[in-house]
Amino acid sequence: MEHNLPYDQGGRTNPINATPVDRRWHRAKTHGGWTYTKDEQGVVTWRSPTGLTCRVEPHDYRLGP
């Protein structure tokens, strides 16, 4: 889990402040200059250092694969 507001800056570990990311995306954020925002519906918008954006909507696993 990735903390939206870092833990050492007061971010809590809960569903509102956490976004599931794999190692590649964690490293892109930590070392590559990528940032993201997460809205109330859980939609994550990634922004590259050059301004490219990518919107990722959460998958509802209750609906099947």
PDB file of N, CA and C in Angstrom:
ATOM      1  N   MET A   1       0.832  -1.183   0.000  1.00  0.00           N
ATOM      2  CA  MET A   1       0.000   0.000   0.000  1.00  0.00           C
ATOM      3  C   MET A   1       0.876   1.246   0.000  1.00  0.00           C
ATOM      4  N   GLU A   2       0.426   2.203  -0.745  1.00  0.00           N
ATOM      5  CA  GLU A   2       1.094   3.498  -0.834  1.00  0.00           C
ATOM      6  C   GLU A   2       0.263   4.498  -0.041  1.00  0.00           C
ATOM      7  N   HIS A   3       0.895   5.216   0.867  1.00  0.00           N
ATOM      8  CA  HIS A   3       0.193   6.261   1.606  1.00  0.00           C
ATOM      9  C   HIS A   3       0.069   7.500   0.722  1.00  0.00           C
ATOM     10  N   ASN A   4      -1.148   8.012   0.555  1.00  0.00           N
ATOM     11  CA  ASN A   4      -1.347   9.241  -0.209  1.00  0.00           C
ATOM     12  C   ASN A   4      -0.645  10.402   0.493  1.00  0.00           C
ATOM     13  N   LEU A   5      -0.916  10.567   1.770  1.00  0.00           N
ATOM     14  CA  LEU A   5      -0.163  11.478   2.617  1.00  0.00           C
ATOM     15  C   LEU A   5       0.814  10.593   3.383  1.00  0.00           C
ATOM     16  N   PRO A   6       2.129  10.777   3.200  1.00  0.00           N
ATOM     17  CA  PRO A   6       3.100   9.882   3.815  1.00  0.00           C
ATOM     18  C   PRO A   6       2.897   9.719   5.321  1.00  0.00           C
ATOM     19  N   TYR A   7       3.159   8.519   5.784  1.00  0.00           N
ATOM     20  CA  TYR A   7       2.993   8.172   7.189  1.00  0.00           C
ATOM     21  C   TYR A   7       3.799   9.107   8.083  1.00  0.00           C
ATOM     22  N   ASP A   8       5.039   9.412   7.683  1.00  0.00           N
ATOM     23  CA  ASP A   8       5.888  10.270   8.513  1.00  0.00           C
ATOM     24  C   ASP A   8       5.453  11.737   8.493  1.00  0.00           C
ATOM     25  N   GLN A   9       4.452  12.061   7.660  1.00  0.00           N
ATOM     26  CA  GLN A   9       3.895  13.411   7.635  1.00  0.00           C
ATOM     27  C   GLN A   9       2.489  13.430   8.230  1.00  0.00           C
ATOM     28  N   GLY A  10       2.151  12.365   8.965  1.00  0.00           N
ATOM     29  CA  GLY A  10       0.854  12.308   9.637  1.00  0.00           C
ATOM     30  C   GLY A  10      -0.213  11.508   8.927  1.00  0.00           C
ATOM     31  N   GLY A  11       0.133  10.887   7.788  1.00  0.00           N
ATOM     32  CA  GLY A  11      -0.840  10.087   7.060  1.00  0.00           C
ATOM     33  C   GLY A  11      -1.170   8.802   7.790  1.00  0.00           C
ATOM     34  N   ARG A  12      -2.423   8.484   7.861  1.00  0.00           N
ATOM     35  CA  ARG A  12      -2.861   7.252   8.530  1.00  0.00           C
ATOM     36  C   ARG A  12      -2.905   6.093   7.542  1.00  0.00           C
ATOM     37  N   THR A  13      -2.832   4.880   8.081  1.00  0.00           N
ATOM     38  CA  THR A  13      -2.963   3.693   7.252  1.00  0.00           C
ATOM     39  C   THR A  13      -4.422   3.265   7.299  1.00  0.00           C
ATOM     40  N   ASN A  14      -5.186   3.694   6.289  1.00  0.00           N
ATOM     41  CA  ASN A  14      -6.596   3.352   6.190  1.00  0.00           C
ATOM     42  C   ASN A  14      -7.002   3.422   4.716  1.00  0.00           C
ATOM     43  N   PRO A  15      -8.187   2.929   4.368  1.00  0.00           N
ATOM     44  CA  PRO A  15      -8.585   2.889   2.953  1.00  0.00           C
ATOM     45  C   PRO A  15      -8.630   4.260   2.271  1.00  0.00           C
ATOM     46  N   ILE A  16      -8.898   5.298   3.018  1.00  0.00           N
ATOM     47  CA  ILE A  16      -8.981   6.635   2.431  1.00  0.00           C
ATOM     48  C   ILE A  16      -7.589   7.160   2.077  1.00  0.00           C
ATOM     49  N   ASN A  17      -6.590   6.856   2.897  1.00  0.00           N
ATOM     50  CA  ASN A  17      -5.243   7.382   2.691  1.00  0.00           C
ATOM     51  C   ASN A  17      -4.292   6.365   2.066  1.00  0.00           C
ATOM     52  N   ALA A  18      -4.798   5.279   1.563  1.00  0.00           N
ATOM     53  CA  ALA A  18      -3.915   4.260   0.985  1.00  0.00           C
ATOM     54  C   ALA A  18      -4.373   3.907  -0.434  1.00  0.00           C
ATOM     55  N   THR A  19      -3.392   3.674  -1.284  1.00  0.00           N
ATOM     56  CA  THR A  19      -3.658   3.273  -2.660  1.00  0.00           C
ATOM     57  C   THR A  19      -2.794   2.061  -2.969  1.00  0.00           C
ATOM     58  N   PRO A  20      -3.395   0.972  -3.466  1.00  0.00           N
ATOM     59  CA  PRO A  20      -2.582  -0.200  -3.779  1.00  0.00           C
ATOM     60  C   PRO A  20      -1.748   0.030  -5.042  1.00  0.00           C
ATOM     61  N   VAL A  21      -0.462  -0.013  -4.896  1.00  0.00           N
ATOM     62  CA  VAL A  21       0.439   0.117  -6.045  1.00  0.00           C
ATOM     63  C   VAL A  21       1.479  -0.995  -5.975  1.00  0.00           C
ATOM     64  N   ASP A  22       1.971  -1.405  -7.138  1.00  0.00           N
ATOM     65  CA  ASP A  22       3.031  -2.407  -7.140  1.00  0.00           C
ATOM     66  C   ASP A  22       4.388  -1.701  -7.009  1.00  0.00           C
ATOM     67  N   ARG A  23       5.431  -2.487  -6.961  1.00  0.00           N
ATOM     68  CA  ARG A  23       6.765  -1.947  -6.734  1.00  0.00           C
ATOM     69  C   ARG A  23       7.174  -0.941  -7.820  1.00  0.00           C
ATOM     70  N   ARG A  24       6.823  -1.245  -9.068  1.00  0.00           N
ATOM     71  CA  ARG A  24       7.191  -0.357 -10.171  1.00  0.00           C
ATOM     72  C   ARG A  24       6.599   1.036  -9.982  1.00  0.00           C
ATOM     73  N   TRP A  25       5.314   1.121  -9.647  1.00  0.00           N
ATOM     74  CA  TRP A  25       4.684   2.425  -9.459  1.00  0.00           C
ATOM     75  C   TRP A  25       5.170   3.114  -8.197  1.00  0.00           C
ATOM     76  N   HIS A  26       5.445   2.340  -7.161  1.00  0.00           N
ATOM     77  CA  HIS A  26       5.991   2.929  -5.938  1.00  0.00           C
ATOM     78  C   HIS A  26       7.346   3.579  -6.233  1.00  0.00           C
ATOM     79  N   ARG A  27       8.181   2.885  -6.999  1.00  0.00           N
ATOM     80  CA  ARG A  27       9.497   3.434  -7.345  1.00  0.00           C
ATOM     81  C   ARG A  27       9.371   4.636  -8.281  1.00  0.00           C
ATOM     82  N   ALA A  28       8.402   4.626  -9.194  1.00  0.00           N
ATOM     83  CA  ALA A  28       8.191   5.767 -10.084  1.00  0.00           C
ATOM     84  C   ALA A  28       7.836   7.012  -9.271  1.00  0.00           C
ATOM     85  N   LYS A  29       7.024   6.820  -8.235  1.00  0.00           N
ATOM     86  CA  LYS A  29       6.641   7.943  -7.380  1.00  0.00           C
ATOM     87  C   LYS A  29       7.800   8.379  -6.493  1.00  0.00           C
ATOM     88  N   THR A  30       8.485   7.420  -5.905  1.00  0.00           N
ATOM     89  CA  THR A  30       9.546   7.737  -4.955  1.00  0.00           C
ATOM     90  C   THR A  30      10.801   8.270  -5.634  1.00  0.00           C
ATOM     91  N   HIS A  31      11.169   7.694  -6.779  1.00  0.00           N
ATOM     92  CA  HIS A  31      12.447   8.036  -7.408  1.00  0.00           C
ATOM     93  C   HIS A  31      12.320   8.674  -8.788  1.00  0.00           C
ATOM     94  N   GLY A  32      11.142   8.601  -9.416  1.00  0.00           N
ATOM     95  CA  GLY A  32      11.022   9.035 -10.798  1.00  0.00           C
ATOM     96  C   GLY A  32      10.280  10.334 -11.032  1.00  0.00           C
ATOM     97  N   GLY A  33       9.806  10.963  -9.965  1.00  0.00           N
ATOM     98  CA  GLY A  33       9.131  12.237 -10.133  1.00  0.00           C
ATOM     99  C   GLY A  33       7.661  12.156 -10.480  1.00  0.00           C
ATOM    100  N   TRP A  34       7.080  10.946 -10.505  1.00  0.00           N
ATOM    101  CA  TRP A  34       5.651  10.801 -10.772  1.00  0.00           C
ATOM    102  C   TRP A  34       4.872  11.181  -9.512  1.00  0.00           C
ATOM    103  N   THR A  35       3.668  11.706  -9.694  1.00  0.00           N
ATOM    104  CA  THR A  35       2.768  12.014  -8.582  1.00  0.00           C
ATOM    105  C   THR A  35       1.393  11.461  -8.922  1.00  0.00           C
ATOM    106  N   TYR A  36       0.530  11.385  -7.927  1.00  0.00           N
ATOM    107  CA  TYR A  36      -0.847  10.978  -8.198  1.00  0.00           C
ATOM    108  C   TYR A  36      -1.796  11.645  -7.233  1.00  0.00           C
ATOM    109  N   THR A  37      -3.036  11.716  -7.660  1.00  0.00           N
ATOM    110  CA  THR A  37      -4.125  12.159  -6.796  1.00  0.00           C
ATOM    111  C   THR A  37      -5.180  11.069  -6.817  1.00  0.00           C
ATOM    112  N   LYS A  38      -5.958  11.002  -5.761  1.00  0.00           N
ATOM    113  CA  LYS A  38      -7.015  10.000  -5.636  1.00  0.00           C
ATOM    114  C   LYS A  38      -8.288  10.723  -5.219  1.00  0.00           C
ATOM    115  N   ASP A  39      -9.382  10.535  -5.979  1.00  0.00           N
ATOM    116  CA  ASP A  39     -10.620  11.216  -5.632  1.00  0.00           C
ATOM    117  C   ASP A  39     -11.491  10.372  -4.713  1.00  0.00           C
ATOM    118  N   GLU A  40     -12.662  10.883  -4.377  1.00  0.00           N
ATOM    119  CA  GLU A  40     -13.553  10.219  -3.418  1.00  0.00           C
ATOM    120  C   GLU A  40     -14.043   8.857  -3.892  1.00  0.00           C
ATOM    121  N   GLN A  41     -14.111   8.639  -5.218  1.00  0.00           N
ATOM    122  CA  GLN A  41     -14.559   7.356  -5.760  1.00  0.00           C
ATOM    123  C   GLN A  41     -13.408   6.356  -5.903  1.00  0.00           C
ATOM    124  N   GLY A  42     -12.212   6.757  -5.536  1.00  0.00           N
ATOM    125  CA  GLY A  42     -11.064   5.862  -5.635  1.00  0.00           C
ATOM    126  C   GLY A  42     -10.343   5.920  -6.968  1.00  0.00           C
ATOM    127  N   VAL A  43     -10.719   6.858  -7.846  1.00  0.00           N
ATOM    128  CA  VAL A  43     -10.052   7.005  -9.133  1.00  0.00           C
ATOM    129  C   VAL A  43      -8.698   7.670  -8.902  1.00  0.00           C
ATOM    130  N   VAL A  44      -7.655   7.034  -9.418  1.00  0.00           N
ATOM    131  CA  VAL A  44      -6.303   7.545  -9.255  1.00  0.00           C
ATOM    132  C   VAL A  44      -5.851   8.165 -10.575  1.00  0.00           C
ATOM    133  N   THR A  45      -5.352   9.378 -10.516  1.00  0.00           N
ATOM    134  CA  THR A  45      -4.805  10.044 -11.696  1.00  0.00           C
ATOM    135  C   THR A  45      -3.314  10.237 -11.480  1.00  0.00           C
ATOM    136  N   TRP A  46      -2.526   9.529 -12.280  1.00  0.00           N
ATOM    137  CA  TRP A  46      -1.073   9.632 -12.228  1.00  0.00           C
ATOM    138  C   TRP A  46      -0.621  10.748 -13.152  1.00  0.00           C
ATOM    139  N   ARG A  47       0.425  11.467 -12.743  1.00  0.00           N
ATOM    140  CA  ARG A  47       1.004  12.536 -13.569  1.00  0.00           C
ATOM    141  C   ARG A  47       2.511  12.321 -13.663  1.00  0.00           C
ATOM    142  N   SER A  48       2.997  12.259 -14.908  1.00  0.00           N
ATOM    143  CA  SER A  48       4.428  12.065 -15.135  1.00  0.00           C
ATOM    144  C   SER A  48       5.171  13.387 -14.922  1.00  0.00           C
ATOM    145  N   PRO A  49       6.496  13.339 -14.823  1.00  0.00           N
ATOM    146  CA  PRO A  49       7.267  14.574 -14.667  1.00  0.00           C
ATOM    147  C   PRO A  49       7.088  15.532 -15.849  1.00  0.00           C
ATOM    148  N   THR A  50       6.693  15.015 -17.019  1.00  0.00           N
ATOM    149  CA  THR A  50       6.495  15.866 -18.194  1.00  0.00           C
ATOM    150  C   THR A  50       5.050  16.337 -18.349  1.00  0.00           C
ATOM    151  N   GLY A  51       4.161  15.925 -17.424  1.00  0.00           N
ATOM    152  CA  GLY A  51       2.778  16.376 -17.454  1.00  0.00           C
ATOM    153  C   GLY A  51       1.787  15.401 -18.060  1.00  0.00           C
ATOM    154  N   LEU A  52       2.244  14.266 -18.570  1.00  0.00           N
ATOM    155  CA  LEU A  52       1.355  13.236 -19.092  1.00  0.00           C
ATOM    156  C   LEU A  52       0.514  12.688 -17.945  1.00  0.00           C
ATOM    157  N   THR A  53      -0.785  12.489 -18.171  1.00  0.00           N
ATOM    158  CA  THR A  53      -1.638  11.943 -17.122  1.00  0.00           C
ATOM    159  C   THR A  53      -2.247  10.621 -17.548  1.00  0.00           C
ATOM    160  N   CYS A  54      -2.523   9.795 -16.574  1.00  0.00           N
ATOM    161  CA  CYS A  54      -3.141   8.490 -16.789  1.00  0.00           C
ATOM    162  C   CYS A  54      -4.158   8.281 -15.675  1.00  0.00           C
ATOM    163  N   ARG A  55      -5.400   8.044 -16.053  1.00  0.00           N
ATOM    164  CA  ARG A  55      -6.483   7.858 -15.081  1.00  0.00           C
ATOM    165  C   ARG A  55      -6.739   6.362 -14.911  1.00  0.00           C
ATOM    166  N   VAL A  56      -6.767   5.904 -13.660  1.00  0.00           N
ATOM    167  CA  VAL A  56      -6.985   4.492 -13.354  1.00  0.00           C
ATOM    168  C   VAL A  56      -8.208   4.371 -12.449  1.00  0.00           C
ATOM    169  N   GLU A  57      -9.243   3.723 -12.963  1.00  0.00           N
ATOM    170  CA  GLU A  57     -10.459   3.541 -12.177  1.00  0.00           C
ATOM    171  C   GLU A  57     -10.378   2.226 -11.415  1.00  0.00           C
ATOM    172  N   PRO A  58     -10.898   2.195 -10.190  1.00  0.00           N
ATOM    173  CA  PRO A  58     -10.844   0.957  -9.413  1.00  0.00           C
ATOM    174  C   PRO A  58     -11.723  -0.124 -10.029  1.00  0.00           C
ATOM    175  N   HIS A  59     -11.274  -1.361  -9.925  1.00  0.00           N
ATOM    176  CA  HIS A  59     -12.039  -2.496 -10.442  1.00  0.00           C
ATOM    177  C   HIS A  59     -12.897  -3.067  -9.322  1.00  0.00           C
ATOM    178  N   ASP A  60     -14.153  -3.318  -9.605  1.00  0.00           N
ATOM    179  CA  ASP A  60     -15.046  -3.940  -8.638  1.00  0.00           C
ATOM    180  C   ASP A  60     -14.971  -5.447  -8.815  1.00  0.00           C
ATOM    181  N   TYR A  61     -14.211  -6.089  -7.972  1.00  0.00           N
ATOM    182  CA  TYR A  61     -13.984  -7.529  -8.085  1.00  0.00           C
ATOM    183  C   TYR A  61     -15.227  -8.359  -7.794  1.00  0.00           C
ATOM    184  N   ARG A  62     -16.234  -7.731  -7.217  1.00  0.00           N
ATOM    185  CA  ARG A  62     -17.475  -8.462  -6.966  1.00  0.00           C
ATOM    186  C   ARG A  62     -18.185  -8.810  -8.277  1.00  0.00           C
ATOM    187  N   LEU A  63     -17.853  -8.091  -9.361  1.00  0.00           N
ATOM    188  CA  LEU A  63     -18.481  -8.324 -10.649  1.00  0.00           C
ATOM    189  C   LEU A  63     -17.808  -9.430 -11.450  1.00  0.00           C
ATOM    190  N   GLY A  64     -16.712  -9.967 -10.942  1.00  0.00           N
ATOM    191  CA  GLY A  64     -15.981 -11.025 -11.637  1.00  0.00           C
ATOM    192  C   GLY A  64     -14.772 -10.464 -12.363  1.00  0.00           C
ATOM    193  N   PRO A  65     -14.051 -11.335 -13.082  1.00  0.00           N
ATOM    194  CA  PRO A  65     -12.810 -10.886 -13.743  1.00  0.00           C
ATOM    195  C   PRO A  65     -13.031  -9.905 -14.867  1.00  0.00           C
TER     196      PRO A  65
END
